[in-house]
Amino acid sequence: GDQITTKELGTVMRSLGQNPSESELQDMINEVDADNNGTIDFPFLTMMARKMKDTDSEEEIREAFKVFDRDNNGFISAAELRHVMTSIGEKLTDDEVDEMIREADQDGDGRID
């Protein structure tokens, strides 16, 4: 269930003090997204962070995922996403959040998984 999109990856990376460009994020995901479903899993996120300079611990990365997944169910809901975006200073309207969810919500269940 711990899957993440380029958009989420960017947010997580920035929360870890990194600032990858959109194309760098795409490269990272292409590197590991073997089945081309546009999502990557937690072990990749760990590996990626190790590659970045001033590496953070796996614990910190896990914390970053938990920031999104507030009820720890392995999914990120619209409410959770809105909370995260607001906490990093992105003032999003409900419509914008819904749009992000729609883009990232592979199976249409209203959650990012």
PDB file of N, CA and C in Angstrom:
ATOM      1  N   GLY A   1       0.802  -1.218   0.000  1.00  0.00           N
ATOM      2  CA  GLY A   1       0.000   0.000   0.000  1.00  0.00           C
ATOM      3  C   GLY A   1       0.833   1.265   0.000  1.00  0.00           C
ATOM      4  N   ASP A   2       2.124   1.172   0.362  1.00  0.00           N
ATOM      5  CA  ASP A   2       2.948   2.382   0.470  1.00  0.00           C
ATOM      6  C   ASP A   2       3.430   2.861  -0.891  1.00  0.00           C
ATOM      7  N   GLN A   3       2.520   3.348  -1.717  1.00  0.00           N
ATOM      8  CA  GLN A   3       2.922   3.845  -3.024  1.00  0.00           C
ATOM      9  C   GLN A   3       2.834   5.356  -3.065  1.00  0.00           C
ATOM     10  N   ILE A   4       3.572   5.939  -3.942  1.00  0.00           N
ATOM     11  CA  ILE A   4       3.706   7.393  -3.939  1.00  0.00           C
ATOM     12  C   ILE A   4       3.858   7.893  -5.371  1.00  0.00           C
ATOM     13  N   THR A   5       3.331   9.072  -5.661  1.00  0.00           N
ATOM     14  CA  THR A   5       3.414   9.636  -7.010  1.00  0.00           C
ATOM     15  C   THR A   5       4.562  10.632  -7.099  1.00  0.00           C
ATOM     16  N   THR A   6       4.872  11.099  -8.298  1.00  0.00           N
ATOM     17  CA  THR A   6       5.946  12.094  -8.467  1.00  0.00           C
ATOM     18  C   THR A   6       5.670  13.327  -7.625  1.00  0.00           C
ATOM     19  N   LYS A   7       4.394  13.716  -7.615  1.00  0.00           N
ATOM     20  CA  LYS A   7       4.013  14.923  -6.878  1.00  0.00           C
ATOM     21  C   LYS A   7       4.296  14.739  -5.387  1.00  0.00           C
ATOM     22  N   GLU A   8       3.889  13.579  -4.866  1.00  0.00           N
ATOM     23  CA  GLU A   8       4.128  13.285  -3.454  1.00  0.00           C
ATOM     24  C   GLU A   8       5.617  13.143  -3.180  1.00  0.00           C
ATOM     25  N   LEU A   9       6.320  12.479  -4.090  1.00  0.00           N
ATOM     26  CA  LEU A   9       7.755  12.292  -3.918  1.00  0.00           C
ATOM     27  C   LEU A   9       8.448  13.644  -3.792  1.00  0.00           C
ATOM     28  N   GLY A  10       8.039  14.591  -4.631  1.00  0.00           N
ATOM     29  CA  GLY A  10       8.617  15.932  -4.576  1.00  0.00           C
ATOM     30  C   GLY A  10       8.388  16.580  -3.229  1.00  0.00           C
ATOM     31  N   THR A  11       7.173  16.434  -2.730  1.00  0.00           N
ATOM     32  CA  THR A  11       6.838  17.021  -1.430  1.00  0.00           C
ATOM     33  C   THR A  11       7.671  16.391  -0.324  1.00  0.00           C
ATOM     34  N   VAL A  12       7.768  15.058  -0.365  1.00  0.00           N
ATOM     35  CA  VAL A  12       8.553  14.347   0.647  1.00  0.00           C
ATOM     36  C   VAL A  12      10.015  14.758   0.576  1.00  0.00           C
ATOM     37  N   MET A  13      10.562  14.782  -0.640  1.00  0.00           N
ATOM     38  CA  MET A  13      11.961  15.161  -0.803  1.00  0.00           C
ATOM     39  C   MET A  13      12.215  16.569  -0.265  1.00  0.00           C
ATOM     40  N   ARG A  14      11.288  17.488  -0.556  1.00  0.00           N
ATOM     41  CA  ARG A  14      11.466  18.853  -0.057  1.00  0.00           C
ATOM     42  C   ARG A  14      11.384  18.889   1.467  1.00  0.00           C
ATOM     43  N   SER A  15      10.512  18.050   2.020  1.00  0.00           N
ATOM     44  CA  SER A  15      10.409  18.011   3.481  1.00  0.00           C
ATOM     45  C   SER A  15      11.679  17.440   4.095  1.00  0.00           C
ATOM     46  N   LEU A  16      12.443  16.685   3.295  1.00  0.00           N
ATOM     47  CA  LEU A  16      13.721  16.139   3.756  1.00  0.00           C
ATOM     48  C   LEU A  16      14.877  17.080   3.411  1.00  0.00           C
ATOM     49  N   GLY A  17      14.530  18.284   2.942  1.00  0.00           N
ATOM     50  CA  GLY A  17      15.563  19.268   2.672  1.00  0.00           C
ATOM     51  C   GLY A  17      16.182  19.170   1.288  1.00  0.00           C
ATOM     52  N   GLN A  18      15.595  18.347   0.415  1.00  0.00           N
ATOM     53  CA  GLN A  18      16.089  18.226  -0.953  1.00  0.00           C
ATOM     54  C   GLN A  18      15.220  19.084  -1.859  1.00  0.00           C
ATOM     55  N   ASN A  19      15.730  19.372  -3.065  1.00  0.00           N
ATOM     56  CA  ASN A  19      14.911  20.159  -3.978  1.00  0.00           C
ATOM     57  C   ASN A  19      15.026  19.654  -5.416  1.00  0.00           C
ATOM     58  N   PRO A  20      14.554  18.426  -5.655  1.00  0.00           N
ATOM     59  CA  PRO A  20      14.676  17.852  -6.998  1.00  0.00           C
ATOM     60  C   PRO A  20      13.725  18.533  -7.982  1.00  0.00           C
ATOM     61  N   SER A  21      14.148  18.637  -9.234  1.00  0.00           N
ATOM     62  CA  SER A  21      13.281  19.201 -10.269  1.00  0.00           C
ATOM     63  C   SER A  21      12.263  18.153 -10.700  1.00  0.00           C
ATOM     64  N   GLU A  22      11.241  18.603 -11.431  1.00  0.00           N
ATOM     65  CA  GLU A  22      10.215  17.683 -11.932  1.00  0.00           C
ATOM     66  C   GLU A  22      10.841  16.554 -12.753  1.00  0.00           C
ATOM     67  N   SER A  23      11.826  16.908 -13.597  1.00  0.00           N
ATOM     68  CA  SER A  23      12.432  15.877 -14.443  1.00  0.00           C
ATOM     69  C   SER A  23      13.299  14.917 -13.635  1.00  0.00           C
ATOM     70  N   GLU A  24      13.926  15.426 -12.580  1.00  0.00           N
ATOM     71  CA  GLU A  24      14.695  14.537 -11.698  1.00  0.00           C
ATOM     72  C   GLU A  24      13.769  13.547 -11.004  1.00  0.00           C
ATOM     73  N   LEU A  25      12.621  14.051 -10.555  1.00  0.00           N
ATOM     74  CA  LEU A  25      11.640  13.182  -9.911  1.00  0.00           C
ATOM     75  C   LEU A  25      11.173  12.110 -10.886  1.00  0.00           C
ATOM     76  N   GLN A  26      10.908  12.534 -12.128  1.00  0.00           N
ATOM     77  CA  GLN A  26      10.468  11.593 -13.150  1.00  0.00           C
ATOM     78  C   GLN A  26      11.535  10.530 -13.392  1.00  0.00           C
ATOM     79  N   ASP A  27      12.794  10.962 -13.456  1.00  0.00           N
ATOM     80  CA  ASP A  27      13.901  10.021 -13.635  1.00  0.00           C
ATOM     81  C   ASP A  27      13.956   9.015 -12.497  1.00  0.00           C
ATOM     82  N   MET A  28      13.816   9.510 -11.268  1.00  0.00           N
ATOM     83  CA  MET A  28      13.851   8.632 -10.098  1.00  0.00           C
ATOM     84  C   MET A  28      12.786   7.560 -10.212  1.00  0.00           C
ATOM     85  N   ILE A  29      11.584   8.002 -10.576  1.00  0.00           N
ATOM     86  CA  ILE A  29      10.473   7.062 -10.642  1.00  0.00           C
ATOM     87  C   ILE A  29      10.642   6.103 -11.814  1.00  0.00           C
ATOM     88  N   ASN A  30      11.077   6.628 -12.967  1.00  0.00           N
ATOM     89  CA  ASN A  30      11.308   5.758 -14.123  1.00  0.00           C
ATOM     90  C   ASN A  30      12.319   4.670 -13.799  1.00  0.00           C
ATOM     91  N   GLU A  31      13.313   5.046 -12.998  1.00  0.00           N
ATOM     92  CA  GLU A  31      14.376   4.131 -12.611  1.00  0.00           C
ATOM     93  C   GLU A  31      13.833   2.893 -11.901  1.00  0.00           C
ATOM     94  N   VAL A  32      12.773   3.077 -11.138  1.00  0.00           N
ATOM     95  CA  VAL A  32      12.302   1.965 -10.307  1.00  0.00           C
ATOM     96  C   VAL A  32      10.878   1.527 -10.589  1.00  0.00           C
ATOM     97  N   ASP A  33      10.180   2.271 -11.435  1.00  0.00           N
ATOM     98  CA  ASP A  33       8.782   1.946 -11.687  1.00  0.00           C
ATOM     99  C   ASP A  33       8.699   0.901 -12.785  1.00  0.00           C
ATOM    100  N   ALA A  34       9.056  -0.338 -12.422  1.00  0.00           N
ATOM    101  CA  ALA A  34       9.171  -1.412 -13.402  1.00  0.00           C
ATOM    102  C   ALA A  34       7.862  -1.671 -14.148  1.00  0.00           C
ATOM    103  N   ASP A  35       6.742  -1.614 -13.429  1.00  0.00           N
ATOM    104  CA  ASP A  35       5.472  -1.919 -14.092  1.00  0.00           C
ATOM    105  C   ASP A  35       4.786  -0.675 -14.652  1.00  0.00           C
ATOM    106  N   ASN A  36       5.512   0.454 -14.631  1.00  0.00           N
ATOM    107  CA  ASN A  36       5.002   1.683 -15.247  1.00  0.00           C
ATOM    108  C   ASN A  36       3.613   2.102 -14.805  1.00  0.00           C
ATOM    109  N   ASN A  37       3.324   1.942 -13.523  1.00  0.00           N
ATOM    110  CA  ASN A  37       2.007   2.388 -13.062  1.00  0.00           C
ATOM    111  C   ASN A  37       2.093   3.764 -12.413  1.00  0.00           C
ATOM    112  N   GLY A  38       3.271   4.390 -12.515  1.00  0.00           N
ATOM    113  CA  GLY A  38       3.407   5.757 -12.033  1.00  0.00           C
ATOM    114  C   GLY A  38       3.553   5.872 -10.533  1.00  0.00           C
ATOM    115  N   THR A  39       3.685   4.740  -9.852  1.00  0.00           N
ATOM    116  CA  THR A  39       3.876   4.806  -8.407  1.00  0.00           C
ATOM    117  C   THR A  39       5.159   4.082  -8.029  1.00  0.00           C
ATOM    118  N   ILE A  40       5.702   4.461  -6.890  1.00  0.00           N
ATOM    119  CA  ILE A  40       6.888   3.796  -6.373  1.00  0.00           C
ATOM    120  C   ILE A  40       6.609   3.385  -4.942  1.00  0.00           C
ATOM    121  N   ASP A  41       7.402   2.476  -4.419  1.00  0.00           N
ATOM    122  CA  ASP A  41       7.103   1.996  -3.076  1.00  0.00           C
ATOM    123  C   ASP A  41       8.099   2.515  -2.050  1.00  0.00           C
ATOM    124  N   PHE A  42       7.836   2.183  -0.805  1.00  0.00           N
ATOM    125  CA  PHE A  42       8.631   2.726   0.285  1.00  0.00           C
ATOM    126  C   PHE A  42      10.121   2.396   0.206  1.00  0.00           C
ATOM    127  N   PRO A  43      10.484   1.128  -0.097  1.00  0.00           N
ATOM    128  CA  PRO A  43      11.914   0.804  -0.176  1.00  0.00           C
ATOM    129  C   PRO A  43      12.660   1.708  -1.160  1.00  0.00           C
ATOM    130  N   PHE A  44      11.989   2.074  -2.252  1.00  0.00           N
ATOM    131  CA  PHE A  44      12.612   2.970  -3.221  1.00  0.00           C
ATOM    132  C   PHE A  44      12.900   4.328  -2.606  1.00  0.00           C
ATOM    133  N   LEU A  45      11.939   4.815  -1.846  1.00  0.00           N
ATOM    134  CA  LEU A  45      12.078   6.125  -1.222  1.00  0.00           C
ATOM    135  C   LEU A  45      13.306   6.130  -0.315  1.00  0.00           C
ATOM    136  N   THR A  46      13.493   5.028   0.394  1.00  0.00           N
ATOM    137  CA  THR A  46      14.651   4.869   1.270  1.00  0.00           C
ATOM    138  C   THR A  46      15.943   4.913   0.472  1.00  0.00           C
ATOM    139  N   MET A  47      15.972   4.119  -0.609  1.00  0.00           N
ATOM    140  CA  MET A  47      17.142   4.048  -1.469  1.00  0.00           C
ATOM    141  C   MET A  47      17.460   5.421  -2.052  1.00  0.00           C
ATOM    142  N   MET A  48      16.397   6.118  -2.477  1.00  0.00           N
ATOM    143  CA  MET A  48      16.554   7.421  -3.093  1.00  0.00           C
ATOM    144  C   MET A  48      17.180   8.406  -2.119  1.00  0.00           C
ATOM    145  N   ALA A  49      16.674   8.403  -0.905  1.00  0.00           N
ATOM    146  CA  ALA A  49      17.181   9.336   0.097  1.00  0.00           C
ATOM    147  C   ALA A  49      18.651   9.057   0.398  1.00  0.00           C
ATOM    148  N   ARG A  50      19.044   7.769   0.345  1.00  0.00           N
ATOM    149  CA  ARG A  50      20.449   7.429   0.582  1.00  0.00           C
ATOM    150  C   ARG A  50      21.331   8.005  -0.511  1.00  0.00           C
ATOM    151  N   LYS A  51      20.789   8.052  -1.726  1.00  0.00           N
ATOM    152  CA  LYS A  51      21.541   8.590  -2.860  1.00  0.00           C
ATOM    153  C   LYS A  51      21.756  10.092  -2.745  1.00  0.00           C
ATOM    154  N   MET A  52      20.785  10.766  -2.122  1.00  0.00           N
ATOM    155  CA  MET A  52      20.864  12.216  -2.045  1.00  0.00           C
ATOM    156  C   MET A  52      21.970  12.593  -1.063  1.00  0.00           C
ATOM    157  N   LYS A  53      22.501  13.806  -1.253  1.00  0.00           N
ATOM    158  CA  LYS A  53      23.534  14.246  -0.319  1.00  0.00           C
ATOM    159  C   LYS A  53      22.936  14.418   1.078  1.00  0.00           C
ATOM    160  N   ASP A  54      23.762  14.562   2.066  1.00  0.00           N
ATOM    161  CA  ASP A  54      23.368  14.603   3.487  1.00  0.00           C
ATOM    162  C   ASP A  54      22.160  13.693   3.775  1.00  0.00           C
ATOM    163  N   THR A  55      22.440  12.426   3.567  1.00  0.00           N
ATOM    164  CA  THR A  55      21.441  11.375   3.696  1.00  0.00           C
ATOM    165  C   THR A  55      20.697  11.398   5.026  1.00  0.00           C
ATOM    166  N   ASP A  56      19.398  11.194   4.933  1.00  0.00           N
ATOM    167  CA  ASP A  56      18.575  11.070   6.131  1.00  0.00           C
ATOM    168  C   ASP A  56      18.386   9.593   6.466  1.00  0.00           C
ATOM    169  N   SER A  57      18.075   9.331   7.706  1.00  0.00           N
ATOM    170  CA  SER A  57      17.871   7.956   8.119  1.00  0.00           C
ATOM    171  C   SER A  57      16.559   7.419   7.572  1.00  0.00           C
ATOM    172  N   GLU A  58      16.455   6.116   7.494  1.00  0.00           N
ATOM    173  CA  GLU A  58      15.220   5.479   7.046  1.00  0.00           C
ATOM    174  C   GLU A  58      14.060   5.912   7.927  1.00  0.00           C
ATOM    175  N   GLU A  59      14.355   6.068   9.222  1.00  0.00           N
ATOM    176  CA  GLU A  59      13.315   6.488  10.162  1.00  0.00           C
ATOM    177  C   GLU A  59      12.703   7.828   9.745  1.00  0.00           C
ATOM    178  N   GLU A  60      13.563   8.761   9.330  1.00  0.00           N
ATOM    179  CA  GLU A  60      13.064  10.077   8.911  1.00  0.00           C
ATOM    180  C   GLU A  60      12.187   9.977   7.677  1.00  0.00           C
ATOM    181  N   ILE A  61      12.574   9.089   6.759  1.00  0.00           N
ATOM    182  CA  ILE A  61      11.793   8.918   5.538  1.00  0.00           C
ATOM    183  C   ILE A  61      10.444   8.304   5.878  1.00  0.00           C
ATOM    184  N   ARG A  62      10.487   7.315   6.776  1.00  0.00           N
ATOM    185  CA  ARG A  62       9.241   6.695   7.208  1.00  0.00           C
ATOM    186  C   ARG A  62       8.341   7.748   7.858  1.00  0.00           C
ATOM    187  N   GLU A  63       8.949   8.633   8.634  1.00  0.00           N
ATOM    188  CA  GLU A  63       8.193   9.733   9.238  1.00  0.00           C
ATOM    189  C   GLU A  63       7.538  10.585   8.160  1.00  0.00           C
ATOM    190  N   ALA A  64       8.290  10.851   7.093  1.00  0.00           N
ATOM    191  CA  ALA A  64       7.757  11.675   6.012  1.00  0.00           C
ATOM    192  C   ALA A  64       6.530  11.021   5.386  1.00  0.00           C
ATOM    193  N   PHE A  65       6.589   9.686   5.211  1.00  0.00           N
ATOM    194  CA  PHE A  65       5.400   9.019   4.661  1.00  0.00           C
ATOM    195  C   PHE A  65       4.250   9.100   5.654  1.00  0.00           C
ATOM    196  N   LYS A  66       4.582   8.926   6.933  1.00  0.00           N
ATOM    197  CA  LYS A  66       3.550   8.997   7.971  1.00  0.00           C
ATOM    198  C   LYS A  66       2.903  10.371   8.035  1.00  0.00           C
ATOM    199  N   VAL A  67       3.675  11.402   7.678  1.00  0.00           N
ATOM    200  CA  VAL A  67       3.111  12.748   7.649  1.00  0.00           C
ATOM    201  C   VAL A  67       1.896  12.774   6.727  1.00  0.00           C
ATOM    202  N   PHE A  68       2.032  12.076   5.594  1.00  0.00           N
ATOM    203  CA  PHE A  68       0.905  11.989   4.668  1.00  0.00           C
ATOM    204  C   PHE A  68      -0.190  11.093   5.231  1.00  0.00           C
ATOM    205  N   ASP A  69       0.229   9.908   5.686  1.00  0.00           N
ATOM    206  CA  ASP A  69      -0.724   8.863   6.059  1.00  0.00           C
ATOM    207  C   ASP A  69      -1.042   8.959   7.543  1.00  0.00           C
ATOM    208  N   ARG A  70      -1.883   9.918   7.916  1.00  0.00           N
ATOM    209  CA  ARG A  70      -2.049  10.238   9.328  1.00  0.00           C
ATOM    210  C   ARG A  70      -2.734   9.140  10.123  1.00  0.00           C
ATOM    211  N   ASP A  71      -3.617   8.366   9.472  1.00  0.00           N
ATOM    212  CA  ASP A  71      -4.260   7.295  10.239  1.00  0.00           C
ATOM    213  C   ASP A  71      -3.547   5.958  10.050  1.00  0.00           C
ATOM    214  N   ASN A  72      -2.356   6.004   9.424  1.00  0.00           N
ATOM    215  CA  ASN A  72      -1.509   4.820   9.295  1.00  0.00           C
ATOM    216  C   ASN A  72      -2.194   3.627   8.646  1.00  0.00           C
ATOM    217  N   ASN A  73      -3.035   3.898   7.632  1.00  0.00           N
ATOM    218  CA  ASN A  73      -3.691   2.774   6.972  1.00  0.00           C
ATOM    219  C   ASN A  73      -3.011   2.432   5.653  1.00  0.00           C
ATOM    220  N   GLY A  74      -1.869   3.070   5.377  1.00  0.00           N
ATOM    221  CA  GLY A  74      -1.146   2.782   4.147  1.00  0.00           C
ATOM    222  C   GLY A  74      -1.681   3.545   2.952  1.00  0.00           C
ATOM    223  N   PHE A  75      -2.701   4.358   3.170  1.00  0.00           N
ATOM    224  CA  PHE A  75      -3.271   5.178   2.109  1.00  0.00           C
ATOM    225  C   PHE A  75      -3.206   6.647   2.498  1.00  0.00           C
ATOM    226  N   ILE A  76      -3.257   7.496   1.507  1.00  0.00           N
ATOM    227  CA  ILE A  76      -3.302   8.929   1.769  1.00  0.00           C
ATOM    228  C   ILE A  76      -4.635   9.463   1.263  1.00  0.00           C
ATOM    229  N   SER A  77      -5.438  10.001   2.153  1.00  0.00           N
ATOM    230  CA  SER A  77      -6.762  10.501   1.783  1.00  0.00           C
ATOM    231  C   SER A  77      -6.691  11.968   1.381  1.00  0.00           C
ATOM    232  N   ALA A  78      -7.777  12.470   0.828  1.00  0.00           N
ATOM    233  CA  ALA A  78      -7.850  13.876   0.437  1.00  0.00           C
ATOM    234  C   ALA A  78      -7.593  14.779   1.639  1.00  0.00           C
ATOM    235  N   ALA A  79      -8.199  14.423   2.762  1.00  0.00           N
ATOM    236  CA  ALA A  79      -8.038  15.232   3.975  1.00  0.00           C
ATOM    237  C   ALA A  79      -6.577  15.244   4.422  1.00  0.00           C
ATOM    238  N   GLU A  80      -5.935  14.072   4.346  1.00  0.00           N
ATOM    239  CA  GLU A  80      -4.536  13.980   4.745  1.00  0.00           C
ATOM    240  C   GLU A  80      -3.660  14.806   3.807  1.00  0.00           C
ATOM    241  N   LEU A  81      -3.950  14.699   2.515  1.00  0.00           N
ATOM    242  CA  LEU A  81      -3.175  15.459   1.545  1.00  0.00           C
ATOM    243  C   LEU A  81      -3.332  16.956   1.783  1.00  0.00           C
ATOM    244  N   ARG A  82      -4.570  17.379   2.031  1.00  0.00           N
ATOM    245  CA  ARG A  82      -4.840  18.797   2.275  1.00  0.00           C
ATOM    246  C   ARG A  82      -4.055  19.263   3.502  1.00  0.00           C
ATOM    247  N   HIS A  83      -4.057  18.437   4.549  1.00  0.00           N
ATOM    248  CA  HIS A  83      -3.337  18.775   5.774  1.00  0.00           C
ATOM    249  C   HIS A  83      -1.848  18.967   5.495  1.00  0.00           C
ATOM    250  N   VAL A  84      -1.271  18.036   4.739  1.00  0.00           N
ATOM    251  CA  VAL A  84       0.157  18.112   4.440  1.00  0.00           C
ATOM    252  C   VAL A  84       0.481  19.348   3.617  1.00  0.00           C
ATOM    253  N   MET A  85      -0.299  19.575   2.559  1.00  0.00           N
ATOM    254  CA  MET A  85      -0.031  20.709   1.687  1.00  0.00           C
ATOM    255  C   MET A  85      -0.128  22.019   2.464  1.00  0.00           C
ATOM    256  N   THR A  86      -1.112  22.105   3.342  1.00  0.00           N
ATOM    257  CA  THR A  86      -1.272  23.297   4.169  1.00  0.00           C
ATOM    258  C   THR A  86      -0.081  23.458   5.107  1.00  0.00           C
ATOM    259  N   SER A  87       0.372  22.333   5.673  1.00  0.00           N
ATOM    260  CA  SER A  87       1.459  22.412   6.649  1.00  0.00           C
ATOM    261  C   SER A  87       2.781  22.795   6.001  1.00  0.00           C
ATOM    262  N   ILE A  88       2.937  22.544   4.695  1.00  0.00           N
ATOM    263  CA  ILE A  88       4.169  22.979   4.035  1.00  0.00           C
ATOM    264  C   ILE A  88       3.978  24.328   3.357  1.00  0.00           C
ATOM    265  N   GLY A  89       2.856  24.979   3.676  1.00  0.00           N
ATOM    266  CA  GLY A  89       2.667  26.348   3.219  1.00  0.00           C
ATOM    267  C   GLY A  89       1.943  26.487   1.893  1.00  0.00           C
ATOM    268  N   GLU A  90       1.443  25.366   1.360  1.00  0.00           N
ATOM    269  CA  GLU A  90       0.664  25.430   0.128  1.00  0.00           C
ATOM    270  C   GLU A  90      -0.789  25.661   0.499  1.00  0.00           C
ATOM    271  N   LYS A  91      -1.302  26.837   0.184  1.00  0.00           N
ATOM    272  CA  LYS A  91      -2.710  27.092   0.477  1.00  0.00           C
ATOM    273  C   LYS A  91      -3.548  26.635  -0.709  1.00  0.00           C
ATOM    274  N   LEU A  92      -4.134  25.458  -0.590  1.00  0.00           N
ATOM    275  CA  LEU A  92      -4.899  24.906  -1.695  1.00  0.00           C
ATOM    276  C   LEU A  92      -6.390  24.985  -1.423  1.00  0.00           C
ATOM    277  N   THR A  93      -7.156  25.221  -2.474  1.00  0.00           N
ATOM    278  CA  THR A  93      -8.607  25.143  -2.338  1.00  0.00           C
ATOM    279  C   THR A  93      -9.016  23.677  -2.366  1.00  0.00           C
ATOM    280  N   ASP A  94     -10.240  23.395  -1.928  1.00  0.00           N
ATOM    281  CA  ASP A  94     -10.745  22.026  -1.991  1.00  0.00           C
ATOM    282  C   ASP A  94     -10.676  21.491  -3.418  1.00  0.00           C
ATOM    283  N   ASP A  95     -11.000  22.348  -4.379  1.00  0.00           N
ATOM    284  CA  ASP A  95     -10.959  21.933  -5.781  1.00  0.00           C
ATOM    285  C   ASP A  95      -9.562  21.501  -6.202  1.00  0.00           C
ATOM    286  N   GLU A  96      -8.563  22.267  -5.767  1.00  0.00           N
ATOM    287  CA  GLU A  96      -7.187  21.942  -6.125  1.00  0.00           C
ATOM    288  C   GLU A  96      -6.755  20.616  -5.500  1.00  0.00           C
ATOM    289  N   VAL A  97      -7.147  20.414  -4.252  1.00  0.00           N
ATOM    290  CA  VAL A  97      -6.823  19.155  -3.585  1.00  0.00           C
ATOM    291  C   VAL A  97      -7.507  17.999  -4.308  1.00  0.00           C
ATOM    292  N   ASP A  98      -8.794  18.182  -4.624  1.00  0.00           N
ATOM    293  CA  ASP A  98      -9.531  17.139  -5.341  1.00  0.00           C
ATOM    294  C   ASP A  98      -8.864  16.817  -6.676  1.00  0.00           C
ATOM    295  N   GLU A  99      -8.388  17.858  -7.343  1.00  0.00           N
ATOM    296  CA  GLU A  99      -7.704  17.680  -8.624  1.00  0.00           C
ATOM    297  C   GLU A  99      -6.435  16.846  -8.445  1.00  0.00           C
ATOM    298  N   MET A 100      -5.661  17.154  -7.397  1.00  0.00           N
ATOM    299  CA  MET A 100      -4.442  16.395  -7.113  1.00  0.00           C
ATOM    300  C   MET A 100      -4.770  14.944  -6.824  1.00  0.00           C
ATOM    301  N   ILE A 101      -5.817  14.737  -6.041  1.00  0.00           N
ATOM    302  CA  ILE A 101      -6.228  13.372  -5.709  1.00  0.00           C
ATOM    303  C   ILE A 101      -6.625  12.631  -6.985  1.00  0.00           C
ATOM    304  N   ARG A 102      -7.416  13.308  -7.829  1.00  0.00           N
ATOM    305  CA  ARG A 102      -7.847  12.666  -9.077  1.00  0.00           C
ATOM    306  C   ARG A 102      -6.656  12.260  -9.922  1.00  0.00           C
ATOM    307  N   GLU A 103      -5.657  13.132  -9.998  1.00  0.00           N
ATOM    308  CA  GLU A 103      -4.465  12.826 -10.782  1.00  0.00           C
ATOM    309  C   GLU A 103      -3.717  11.628 -10.211  1.00  0.00           C
ATOM    310  N   ALA A 104      -3.699  11.533  -8.900  1.00  0.00           N
ATOM    311  CA  ALA A 104      -2.863  10.518  -8.251  1.00  0.00           C
ATOM    312  C   ALA A 104      -3.632   9.257  -7.875  1.00  0.00           C
ATOM    313  N   ASP A 105      -4.958   9.329  -7.953  1.00  0.00           N
ATOM    314  CA  ASP A 105      -5.799   8.230  -7.475  1.00  0.00           C
ATOM    315  C   ASP A 105      -6.030   7.215  -8.581  1.00  0.00           C
ATOM    316  N   GLN A 106      -5.162   6.201  -8.627  1.00  0.00           N
ATOM    317  CA  GLN A 106      -5.182   5.218  -9.709  1.00  0.00           C
ATOM    318  C   GLN A 106      -6.522   4.493  -9.845  1.00  0.00           C
ATOM    319  N   ASP A 107      -7.064   4.020  -8.725  1.00  0.00           N
ATOM    320  CA  ASP A 107      -8.253   3.165  -8.828  1.00  0.00           C
ATOM    321  C   ASP A 107      -9.556   3.895  -8.519  1.00  0.00           C
ATOM    322  N   GLY A 108      -9.479   5.219  -8.370  1.00  0.00           N
ATOM    323  CA  GLY A 108     -10.702   5.997  -8.254  1.00  0.00           C
ATOM    324  C   GLY A 108     -11.454   5.824  -6.951  1.00  0.00           C
ATOM    325  N   ASP A 109     -10.759   5.397  -5.877  1.00  0.00           N
ATOM    326  CA  ASP A 109     -11.483   5.196  -4.617  1.00  0.00           C
ATOM    327  C   ASP A 109     -11.362   6.401  -3.689  1.00  0.00           C
ATOM    328  N   GLY A 110     -10.811   7.503  -4.215  1.00  0.00           N
ATOM    329  CA  GLY A 110     -10.711   8.716  -3.413  1.00  0.00           C
ATOM    330  C   GLY A 110      -9.496   8.746  -2.507  1.00  0.00           C
ATOM    331  N   ARG A 111      -8.647   7.724  -2.645  1.00  0.00           N
ATOM    332  CA  ARG A 111      -7.431   7.685  -1.828  1.00  0.00           C
ATOM    333  C   ARG A 111      -6.222   7.537  -2.736  1.00  0.00           C
ATOM    334  N   ILE A 112      -5.097   8.036  -2.286  1.00  0.00           N
ATOM    335  CA  ILE A 112      -3.839   7.822  -3.000  1.00  0.00           C
ATOM    336  C   ILE A 112      -3.189   6.622  -2.349  1.00  0.00           C
ATOM    337  N   ASP A 113      -3.018   5.563  -3.136  1.00  0.00           N
ATOM    338  CA  ASP A 113      -2.418   4.364  -2.526  1.00  0.00           C
ATOM    339  C   ASP A 113      -1.153   3.941  -3.246  1.00  0.00           C
TER     340      ASP A 113
END
